[in-house]
Amino acid sequence: MLFDTHVHLNDEQFNDDLEEVMKRAQEAGVEHMVVVGFNRETIERALQIVDKYDFLYASIGWHPVDAIDMTEEDLVWLEEKARHPKVVAYGEIGLDYHWDKSPKDIQQEVFRKQIRLAKKLRLPLIIHNREATEDIIQILKEEDAKEIGGIMHCFSGSAESAKECLRLNFYISLGGPVTFKNAKKPKRVAEQVPLDKLLIETDCPYLAPHPYRGKRNEPAYVKLVAEQIAELKGISYEEVARATTENAKKLFGIHE
């Protein structure tokens, strides 16, 4: 059985066929998923969806691209929503230096505030990182995020930076890009990161794995990620599926 640790089933791309998407996921062996909300609208929708399905959980946080829009009222609201019984993580939060909507200093301030909130709530973090690895690692160290740990979501860094994240008590999560033919960095990360520190995800509807690259991604395709990791590590698919599911349950505190 598989655990997709990062889905956006709350995205409008799933409005018309969510039931069919869920059915295909279950047929592919996906046992659990975490639906990620990153602003007021997507958080409300995430909580509505996870309330309907026993095998779904939620993570909530404020996305770095929209950091400039976050108010103190939003932070209070986030704390309230994070106390929902099916919220198992805090995020996705972090830094995104690719888009220029939110200045870096504001992103960093909002990131720090949310790390502190997650520590107060005792929730693991889900970290979004785009072109900001050094600053993210620095802030995680300064805020003592090791205390709660979490996930480096859709990790795109080097094997060296992955090791640094492991030392900070973070799991490395790999998605569709590990299946891309020329994606050398994620393949090297898959080979080098210990199996007990790996997670898998789709980040659907984004980043569909080969051979669906460029199309809408969905949770059923997380199986392709697990198969690729198994091939790279020279172990069985079943071993990867079992280990990554156990890792996710341990991190999120899911006991069955």
C-alpha atoms as a PDB file:
ATOM      1  CA  MET A   1       0.000   0.000   0.000  1.00  0.00           C
ATOM      2  CA  LEU A   2       1.124   3.536  -0.798  1.00  0.00           C
ATOM      3  CA  PHE A   3       0.996   6.865   1.058  1.00  0.00           C
ATOM      4  CA  ASP A   4       0.888   9.992  -1.124  1.00  0.00           C
ATOM      5  CA  THR A   5       2.139  12.634   1.297  1.00  0.00           C
ATOM      6  CA  HIS A   6       1.275  15.692  -0.803  1.00  0.00           C
ATOM      7  CA  VAL A   7      -1.832  16.143  -2.935  1.00  0.00           C
ATOM      8  CA  HIS A   8      -3.908  19.139  -3.953  1.00  0.00           C
ATOM      9  CA  LEU A   9      -7.248  17.392  -4.434  1.00  0.00           C
ATOM     10  CA  ASN A  10      -8.679  20.756  -3.349  1.00  0.00           C
ATOM     11  CA  ASP A  11      -7.510  22.215  -6.679  1.00  0.00           C
ATOM     12  CA  GLU A  12     -10.303  23.189  -9.076  1.00  0.00           C
ATOM     13  CA  GLN A  13      -8.836  20.782 -11.659  1.00  0.00           C
ATOM     14  CA  PHE A  14     -10.460  17.983  -9.625  1.00  0.00           C
ATOM     15  CA  ASN A  15     -13.880  19.619  -9.240  1.00  0.00           C
ATOM     16  CA  ASP A  16     -15.572  17.507 -11.909  1.00  0.00           C
ATOM     17  CA  ASP A  17     -14.150  14.026 -11.299  1.00  0.00           C
ATOM     18  CA  LEU A  18     -12.889  13.782  -7.717  1.00  0.00           C
ATOM     19  CA  GLU A  19     -14.722  10.490  -7.068  1.00  0.00           C
ATOM     20  CA  GLU A  20     -13.152   8.872 -10.141  1.00  0.00           C
ATOM     21  CA  VAL A  21      -9.708  10.165  -9.144  1.00  0.00           C
ATOM     22  CA  MET A  22     -10.135   8.666  -5.671  1.00  0.00           C
ATOM     23  CA  LYS A  23     -11.232   5.351  -7.132  1.00  0.00           C
ATOM     24  CA  ARG A  24      -8.203   5.151  -9.429  1.00  0.00           C
ATOM     25  CA  ALA A  25      -5.932   5.984  -6.491  1.00  0.00           C
ATOM     26  CA  GLN A  26      -7.345   3.147  -4.414  1.00  0.00           C
ATOM     27  CA  GLU A  27      -7.082   0.735  -7.352  1.00  0.00           C
ATOM     28  CA  ALA A  28      -3.396   1.701  -7.650  1.00  0.00           C
ATOM     29  CA  GLY A  29      -2.889   0.811  -3.977  1.00  0.00           C
ATOM     30  CA  VAL A  30      -2.885   4.307  -2.475  1.00  0.00           C
ATOM     31  CA  GLU A  31      -3.943   3.780   1.138  1.00  0.00           C
ATOM     32  CA  HIS A  32      -3.580   7.329   2.497  1.00  0.00           C
ATOM     33  CA  MET A  33      -3.071  10.897   1.253  1.00  0.00           C
ATOM     34  CA  VAL A  34      -2.423  14.289   2.805  1.00  0.00           C
ATOM     35  CA  VAL A  35      -4.399  17.109   1.178  1.00  0.00           C
ATOM     36  CA  VAL A  36      -2.442  20.352   1.389  1.00  0.00           C
ATOM     37  CA  GLY A  37      -4.058  23.783   1.762  1.00  0.00           C
ATOM     38  CA  PHE A  38      -1.971  26.935   1.427  1.00  0.00           C
ATOM     39  CA  ASN A  39      -4.420  29.882   1.668  1.00  0.00           C
ATOM     40  CA  ARG A  40      -7.886  30.473   3.099  1.00  0.00           C
ATOM     41  CA  GLU A  41      -9.758  29.070   0.113  1.00  0.00           C
ATOM     42  CA  THR A  42      -7.676  25.918  -0.377  1.00  0.00           C
ATOM     43  CA  ILE A  43      -7.530  25.224   3.371  1.00  0.00           C
ATOM     44  CA  GLU A  44     -11.330  25.358   3.734  1.00  0.00           C
ATOM     45  CA  ARG A  45     -11.687  23.058   0.727  1.00  0.00           C
ATOM     46  CA  ALA A  46      -9.026  20.657   2.043  1.00  0.00           C
ATOM     47  CA  LEU A  47     -10.828  20.298   5.361  1.00  0.00           C
ATOM     48  CA  GLN A  48     -14.150  19.693   3.614  1.00  0.00           C
ATOM     49  CA  ILE A  49     -12.602  16.908   1.533  1.00  0.00           C
ATOM     50  CA  VAL A  50     -10.765  15.144   4.373  1.00  0.00           C
ATOM     51  CA  ASP A  51     -13.936  15.151   6.470  1.00  0.00           C
ATOM     52  CA  LYS A  52     -15.589  13.026   3.763  1.00  0.00           C
ATOM     53  CA  TYR A  53     -12.966  10.283   3.498  1.00  0.00           C
ATOM     54  CA  ASP A  54     -11.504   8.203   6.322  1.00  0.00           C
ATOM     55  CA  PHE A  55      -8.181   7.665   4.548  1.00  0.00           C
ATOM     56  CA  LEU A  56      -7.456  11.347   3.884  1.00  0.00           C
ATOM     57  CA  TYR A  57      -5.626  13.774   6.150  1.00  0.00           C
ATOM     58  CA  ALA A  58      -4.807  17.469   5.830  1.00  0.00           C
ATOM     59  CA  SER A  59      -1.906  19.865   6.158  1.00  0.00           C
ATOM     60  CA  ILE A  60      -2.397  23.615   6.290  1.00  0.00           C
ATOM     61  CA  GLY A  61      -0.128  26.647   6.082  1.00  0.00           C
ATOM     62  CA  TRP A  62       0.428  29.908   4.223  1.00  0.00           C
ATOM     63  CA  HIS A  63       2.336  29.658   0.933  1.00  0.00           C
ATOM     64  CA  PRO A  64       5.474  31.815   0.609  1.00  0.00           C
ATOM     65  CA  VAL A  65       4.409  33.291  -2.734  1.00  0.00           C
ATOM     66  CA  ASP A  66       1.450  34.874  -0.908  1.00  0.00           C
ATOM     67  CA  ALA A  67       3.428  35.895   2.195  1.00  0.00           C
ATOM     68  CA  ILE A  68       2.849  39.574   1.468  1.00  0.00           C
ATOM     69  CA  ASP A  69      -0.904  39.060   1.856  1.00  0.00           C
ATOM     70  CA  MET A  70      -0.781  37.311   5.244  1.00  0.00           C
ATOM     71  CA  THR A  71      -2.074  39.277   8.241  1.00  0.00           C
ATOM     72  CA  GLU A  72      -1.961  38.667  11.992  1.00  0.00           C
ATOM     73  CA  GLU A  73      -5.653  37.716  11.718  1.00  0.00           C
ATOM     74  CA  ASP A  74      -4.687  35.029   9.212  1.00  0.00           C
ATOM     75  CA  LEU A  75      -2.135  33.631  11.661  1.00  0.00           C
ATOM     76  CA  VAL A  76      -4.797  33.377  14.384  1.00  0.00           C
ATOM     77  CA  TRP A  77      -7.154  31.736  11.886  1.00  0.00           C
ATOM     78  CA  LEU A  78      -4.435  29.250  10.853  1.00  0.00           C
ATOM     79  CA  GLU A  79      -3.898  28.228  14.464  1.00  0.00           C
ATOM     80  CA  GLU A  80      -7.612  27.624  14.876  1.00  0.00           C
ATOM     81  CA  LYS A  81      -7.857  25.562  11.657  1.00  0.00           C
ATOM     82  CA  ALA A  82      -4.708  23.581  12.520  1.00  0.00           C
ATOM     83  CA  ARG A  83      -6.498  22.178  15.574  1.00  0.00           C
ATOM     84  CA  HIS A  84      -8.879  20.247  13.300  1.00  0.00           C
ATOM     85  CA  PRO A  85      -8.525  16.556  14.273  1.00  0.00           C
ATOM     86  CA  LYS A  86      -7.453  15.477  10.777  1.00  0.00           C
ATOM     87  CA  VAL A  87      -4.677  18.051  10.380  1.00  0.00           C
ATOM     88  CA  VAL A  88      -1.443  16.054  10.706  1.00  0.00           C
ATOM     89  CA  ALA A  89       1.150  18.599   9.511  1.00  0.00           C
ATOM     90  CA  TYR A  90       1.771  22.310   9.076  1.00  0.00           C
ATOM     91  CA  GLY A  91       2.537  23.532   5.558  1.00  0.00           C
ATOM     92  CA  GLU A  92       3.313  23.950   2.877  1.00  0.00           C
ATOM     93  CA  ILE A  93       5.421  26.843   4.066  1.00  0.00           C
ATOM     94  CA  GLY A  94       8.902  28.020   3.186  1.00  0.00           C
ATOM     95  CA  LEU A  95      10.566  30.288   0.653  1.00  0.00           C
ATOM     96  CA  ASP A  96      10.022  30.776  -3.069  1.00  0.00           C
ATOM     97  CA  TYR A  97      12.536  33.042  -4.774  1.00  0.00           C
ATOM     98  CA  HIS A  98      11.366  32.138  -8.287  1.00  0.00           C
ATOM     99  CA  TRP A  99       8.316  34.413  -8.244  1.00  0.00           C
ATOM    100  CA  ASP A 100       8.685  38.020  -7.141  1.00  0.00           C
ATOM    101  CA  LYS A 101       5.239  38.693  -5.673  1.00  0.00           C
ATOM    102  CA  SER A 102       6.452  38.639  -2.050  1.00  0.00           C
ATOM    103  CA  PRO A 103       9.787  40.257  -1.097  1.00  0.00           C
ATOM    104  CA  LYS A 104      12.354  37.909   0.444  1.00  0.00           C
ATOM    105  CA  ASP A 105      12.377  39.620   3.841  1.00  0.00           C
ATOM    106  CA  ILE A 106       8.586  39.292   4.143  1.00  0.00           C
ATOM    107  CA  GLN A 107       8.700  35.640   3.076  1.00  0.00           C
ATOM    108  CA  GLN A 108      11.347  34.957   5.711  1.00  0.00           C
ATOM    109  CA  GLU A 109       9.378  36.712   8.449  1.00  0.00           C
ATOM    110  CA  VAL A 110       6.190  34.788   7.600  1.00  0.00           C
ATOM    111  CA  PHE A 111       8.189  31.539   7.423  1.00  0.00           C
ATOM    112  CA  ARG A 112       9.616  32.102  10.907  1.00  0.00           C
ATOM    113  CA  LYS A 113       6.205  32.954  12.397  1.00  0.00           C
ATOM    114  CA  GLN A 114       4.719  29.756  11.005  1.00  0.00           C
ATOM    115  CA  ILE A 115       7.589  27.572  12.214  1.00  0.00           C
ATOM    116  CA  ARG A 116       6.951  28.948  15.704  1.00  0.00           C
ATOM    117  CA  LEU A 117       3.235  28.231  15.354  1.00  0.00           C
ATOM    118  CA  ALA A 118       3.910  24.661  14.198  1.00  0.00           C
ATOM    119  CA  LYS A 119       6.190  24.140  17.215  1.00  0.00           C
ATOM    120  CA  LYS A 120       3.424  25.419  19.489  1.00  0.00           C
ATOM    121  CA  LEU A 121       0.961  23.011  17.838  1.00  0.00           C
ATOM    122  CA  ARG A 122       3.504  20.137  17.818  1.00  0.00           C
ATOM    123  CA  LEU A 123       2.942  19.531  14.104  1.00  0.00           C
ATOM    124  CA  PRO A 124       5.668  18.471  11.645  1.00  0.00           C
ATOM    125  CA  LEU A 125       6.461  20.945   8.867  1.00  0.00           C
ATOM    126  CA  ILE A 126       5.985  20.564   5.128  1.00  0.00           C
ATOM    127  CA  ILE A 127       8.594  22.760   3.461  1.00  0.00           C
ATOM    128  CA  HIS A 128       8.233  24.423   0.058  1.00  0.00           C
ATOM    129  CA  ASN A 129      11.610  25.420  -1.374  1.00  0.00           C
ATOM    130  CA  ARG A 130      12.192  27.068  -4.698  1.00  0.00           C
ATOM    131  CA  GLU A 131      15.631  28.506  -5.383  1.00  0.00           C
ATOM    132  CA  ALA A 132      16.130  29.211  -1.655  1.00  0.00           C
ATOM    133  CA  THR A 133      17.923  26.192  -0.168  1.00  0.00           C
ATOM    134  CA  GLU A 134      20.594  28.053   1.804  1.00  0.00           C
ATOM    135  CA  ASP A 135      18.150  30.480   3.414  1.00  0.00           C
ATOM    136  CA  ILE A 136      15.675  27.721   4.246  1.00  0.00           C
ATOM    137  CA  ILE A 137      18.309  25.591   5.967  1.00  0.00           C
ATOM    138  CA  GLN A 138      19.613  28.634   7.858  1.00  0.00           C
ATOM    139  CA  ILE A 139      16.142  29.604   9.113  1.00  0.00           C
ATOM    140  CA  LEU A 140      15.283  26.022  10.086  1.00  0.00           C
ATOM    141  CA  LYS A 141      18.461  25.928  12.160  1.00  0.00           C
ATOM    142  CA  GLU A 142      17.885  29.334  13.767  1.00  0.00           C
ATOM    143  CA  GLU A 143      14.260  28.485  14.645  1.00  0.00           C
ATOM    144  CA  ASP A 144      15.245  25.041  15.978  1.00  0.00           C
ATOM    145  CA  ALA A 145      12.815  23.336  13.620  1.00  0.00           C
ATOM    146  CA  LYS A 146      14.652  20.068  14.327  1.00  0.00           C
ATOM    147  CA  GLU A 147      12.428  19.833  17.400  1.00  0.00           C
ATOM    148  CA  ILE A 148       9.400  18.979  15.249  1.00  0.00           C
ATOM    149  CA  GLY A 149      11.034  17.971  11.961  1.00  0.00           C
ATOM    150  CA  GLY A 150       8.971  17.370   8.869  1.00  0.00           C
ATOM    151  CA  ILE A 151       9.211  16.967   5.111  1.00  0.00           C
ATOM    152  CA  MET A 152      11.259  18.559   2.380  1.00  0.00           C
ATOM    153  CA  HIS A 153       8.423  18.505  -0.125  1.00  0.00           C
ATOM    154  CA  CYS A 154       9.184  17.548  -3.737  1.00  0.00           C
ATOM    155  CA  PHE A 155      12.895  17.780  -3.000  1.00  0.00           C
ATOM    156  CA  SER A 156      14.901  19.202  -5.905  1.00  0.00           C
ATOM    157  CA  GLY A 157      18.236  19.908  -4.218  1.00  0.00           C
ATOM    158  CA  SER A 158      21.528  18.047  -4.295  1.00  0.00           C
ATOM    159  CA  ALA A 159      22.365  14.866  -2.406  1.00  0.00           C
ATOM    160  CA  GLU A 160      24.648  17.010  -0.221  1.00  0.00           C
ATOM    161  CA  SER A 161      21.848  19.400   0.795  1.00  0.00           C
ATOM    162  CA  ALA A 162      19.582  16.380   1.368  1.00  0.00           C
ATOM    163  CA  LYS A 163      22.068  15.119   3.962  1.00  0.00           C
ATOM    164  CA  GLU A 164      21.965  18.481   5.701  1.00  0.00           C
ATOM    165  CA  CYS A 165      18.156  18.305   5.804  1.00  0.00           C
ATOM    166  CA  LEU A 166      18.341  14.801   7.288  1.00  0.00           C
ATOM    167  CA  ARG A 167      20.509  16.164  10.084  1.00  0.00           C
ATOM    168  CA  LEU A 168      17.725  18.673  10.795  1.00  0.00           C
ATOM    169  CA  ASN A 169      15.221  15.812  11.358  1.00  0.00           C
ATOM    170  CA  PHE A 170      13.521  16.145   7.963  1.00  0.00           C
ATOM    171  CA  TYR A 171      12.381  13.417   5.610  1.00  0.00           C
ATOM    172  CA  ILE A 172      13.110  13.784   1.899  1.00  0.00           C
ATOM    173  CA  SER A 173      10.024  13.478  -0.301  1.00  0.00           C
ATOM    174  CA  LEU A 174      10.336  12.681  -3.997  1.00  0.00           C
ATOM    175  CA  GLY A 175       7.706  13.153  -6.676  1.00  0.00           C
ATOM    176  CA  GLY A 176       7.294  12.997 -10.442  1.00  0.00           C
ATOM    177  CA  PRO A 177      10.647  14.609 -11.345  1.00  0.00           C
ATOM    178  CA  VAL A 178      12.542  11.515 -10.125  1.00  0.00           C
ATOM    179  CA  THR A 179      11.053   9.709 -13.141  1.00  0.00           C
ATOM    180  CA  PHE A 180      12.191  12.320 -15.681  1.00  0.00           C
ATOM    181  CA  LYS A 181      14.887  11.014 -17.991  1.00  0.00           C
ATOM    182  CA  ASN A 182      17.391  13.846 -17.473  1.00  0.00           C
ATOM    183  CA  ALA A 183      16.642  14.596 -13.795  1.00  0.00           C
ATOM    184  CA  LYS A 184      20.051  13.678 -12.410  1.00  0.00           C
ATOM    185  CA  LYS A 185      19.756  15.352  -8.986  1.00  0.00           C
ATOM    186  CA  PRO A 186      16.553  13.649  -7.770  1.00  0.00           C
ATOM    187  CA  LYS A 187      17.807  10.293  -9.031  1.00  0.00           C
ATOM    188  CA  ARG A 188      21.049  10.713  -7.078  1.00  0.00           C
ATOM    189  CA  VAL A 189      19.055  11.734  -4.002  1.00  0.00           C
ATOM    190  CA  ALA A 190      16.867   8.621  -4.360  1.00  0.00           C
ATOM    191  CA  GLU A 191      19.983   6.452  -4.510  1.00  0.00           C
ATOM    192  CA  GLN A 192      21.740   8.064  -1.551  1.00  0.00           C
ATOM    193  CA  VAL A 193      19.042   8.936   0.994  1.00  0.00           C
ATOM    194  CA  PRO A 194      18.356   5.986   3.348  1.00  0.00           C
ATOM    195  CA  LEU A 195      15.027   4.275   2.748  1.00  0.00           C
ATOM    196  CA  ASP A 196      13.881   5.031   6.292  1.00  0.00           C
ATOM    197  CA  LYS A 197      14.147   8.761   5.498  1.00  0.00           C
ATOM    198  CA  LEU A 198      12.310   8.768   2.152  1.00  0.00           C
ATOM    199  CA  LEU A 199       8.699   9.683   1.389  1.00  0.00           C
ATOM    200  CA  ILE A 200       6.790   9.745  -1.893  1.00  0.00           C
ATOM    201  CA  GLU A 201       4.256  12.204  -3.270  1.00  0.00           C
ATOM    202  CA  THR A 202       2.586  13.413  -6.437  1.00  0.00           C
ATOM    203  CA  ASP A 203       1.987  17.131  -5.711  1.00  0.00           C
ATOM    204  CA  CYS A 204      -0.995  16.563  -8.004  1.00  0.00           C
ATOM    205  CA  PRO A 205      -2.319  18.145 -10.177  1.00  0.00           C
ATOM    206  CA  TYR A 206       1.245  19.350 -10.819  1.00  0.00           C
ATOM    207  CA  LEU A 207       4.491  17.563 -11.819  1.00  0.00           C
ATOM    208  CA  ALA A 208       3.044  14.401 -13.340  1.00  0.00           C
ATOM    209  CA  PRO A 209       5.616  11.607 -13.660  1.00  0.00           C
ATOM    210  CA  HIS A 210       6.760  10.045 -16.917  1.00  0.00           C
ATOM    211  CA  PRO A 211       4.905   8.992 -19.134  1.00  0.00           C
ATOM    212  CA  TYR A 212       2.234  11.529 -18.112  1.00  0.00           C
ATOM    213  CA  ARG A 213       4.575  14.535 -17.964  1.00  0.00           C
ATOM    214  CA  GLY A 214       2.744  17.718 -18.950  1.00  0.00           C
ATOM    215  CA  LYS A 215      -0.680  16.237 -18.185  1.00  0.00           C
ATOM    216  CA  ARG A 216      -2.751  16.560 -15.018  1.00  0.00           C
ATOM    217  CA  ASN A 217      -1.166  14.571 -12.221  1.00  0.00           C
ATOM    218  CA  GLU A 218      -3.248  12.443  -9.836  1.00  0.00           C
ATOM    219  CA  PRO A 219      -2.592  10.278  -6.744  1.00  0.00           C
ATOM    220  CA  ALA A 220      -2.662   6.968  -8.640  1.00  0.00           C
ATOM    221  CA  TYR A 221       0.583   8.006 -10.336  1.00  0.00           C
ATOM    222  CA  VAL A 222       2.502   7.928  -7.040  1.00  0.00           C
ATOM    223  CA  LYS A 223       3.017   4.245  -7.826  1.00  0.00           C
ATOM    224  CA  LEU A 224       5.313   5.293 -10.705  1.00  0.00           C
ATOM    225  CA  VAL A 225       7.425   7.310  -8.258  1.00  0.00           C
ATOM    226  CA  ALA A 226       7.764   4.294  -5.944  1.00  0.00           C
ATOM    227  CA  GLU A 227       8.669   2.027  -8.869  1.00  0.00           C
ATOM    228  CA  GLN A 228      11.389   4.429 -10.029  1.00  0.00           C
ATOM    229  CA  ILE A 229      12.907   4.673  -6.538  1.00  0.00           C
ATOM    230  CA  ALA A 230      12.905   0.880  -6.278  1.00  0.00           C
ATOM    231  CA  GLU A 231      14.738   0.623  -9.590  1.00  0.00           C
ATOM    232  CA  LEU A 232      17.304   3.250  -8.577  1.00  0.00           C
ATOM    233  CA  LYS A 233      17.939   1.594  -5.212  1.00  0.00           C
ATOM    234  CA  GLY A 234      17.987  -1.917  -6.631  1.00  0.00           C
ATOM    235  CA  ILE A 235      15.265  -3.143  -4.261  1.00  0.00           C
ATOM    236  CA  SER A 236      11.697  -4.341  -4.685  1.00  0.00           C
ATOM    237  CA  TYR A 237       8.741  -2.053  -5.282  1.00  0.00           C
ATOM    238  CA  GLU A 238       7.024  -3.672  -2.279  1.00  0.00           C
ATOM    239  CA  GLU A 239       9.944  -2.696  -0.048  1.00  0.00           C
ATOM    240  CA  VAL A 240       9.717   0.952  -1.131  1.00  0.00           C
ATOM    241  CA  ALA A 241       5.931   1.000  -0.731  1.00  0.00           C
ATOM    242  CA  ARG A 242       6.076  -0.510   2.744  1.00  0.00           C
ATOM    243  CA  ALA A 243       8.922   1.678   4.013  1.00  0.00           C
ATOM    244  CA  THR A 244       7.594   4.995   2.695  1.00  0.00           C
ATOM    245  CA  THR A 245       4.140   4.243   4.100  1.00  0.00           C
ATOM    246  CA  GLU A 246       5.607   3.370   7.506  1.00  0.00           C
ATOM    247  CA  ASN A 247       7.731   6.535   7.418  1.00  0.00           C
ATOM    248  CA  ALA A 248       4.699   8.719   6.664  1.00  0.00           C
ATOM    249  CA  LYS A 249       2.564   7.153   9.377  1.00  0.00           C
ATOM    250  CA  LYS A 250       5.333   7.577  11.901  1.00  0.00           C
ATOM    251  CA  LEU A 251       5.871  11.248  10.997  1.00  0.00           C
ATOM    252  CA  PHE A 252       2.170  12.125  10.953  1.00  0.00           C
ATOM    253  CA  GLY A 253       1.335  10.126  14.068  1.00  0.00           C
ATOM    254  CA  ILE A 254      -1.151   7.855  12.278  1.00  0.00           C
ATOM    255  CA  HIS A 255      -1.648   4.632  14.250  1.00  0.00           C
ATOM    256  CA  GLU A 256      -3.784   1.869  12.783  1.00  0.00           C
END
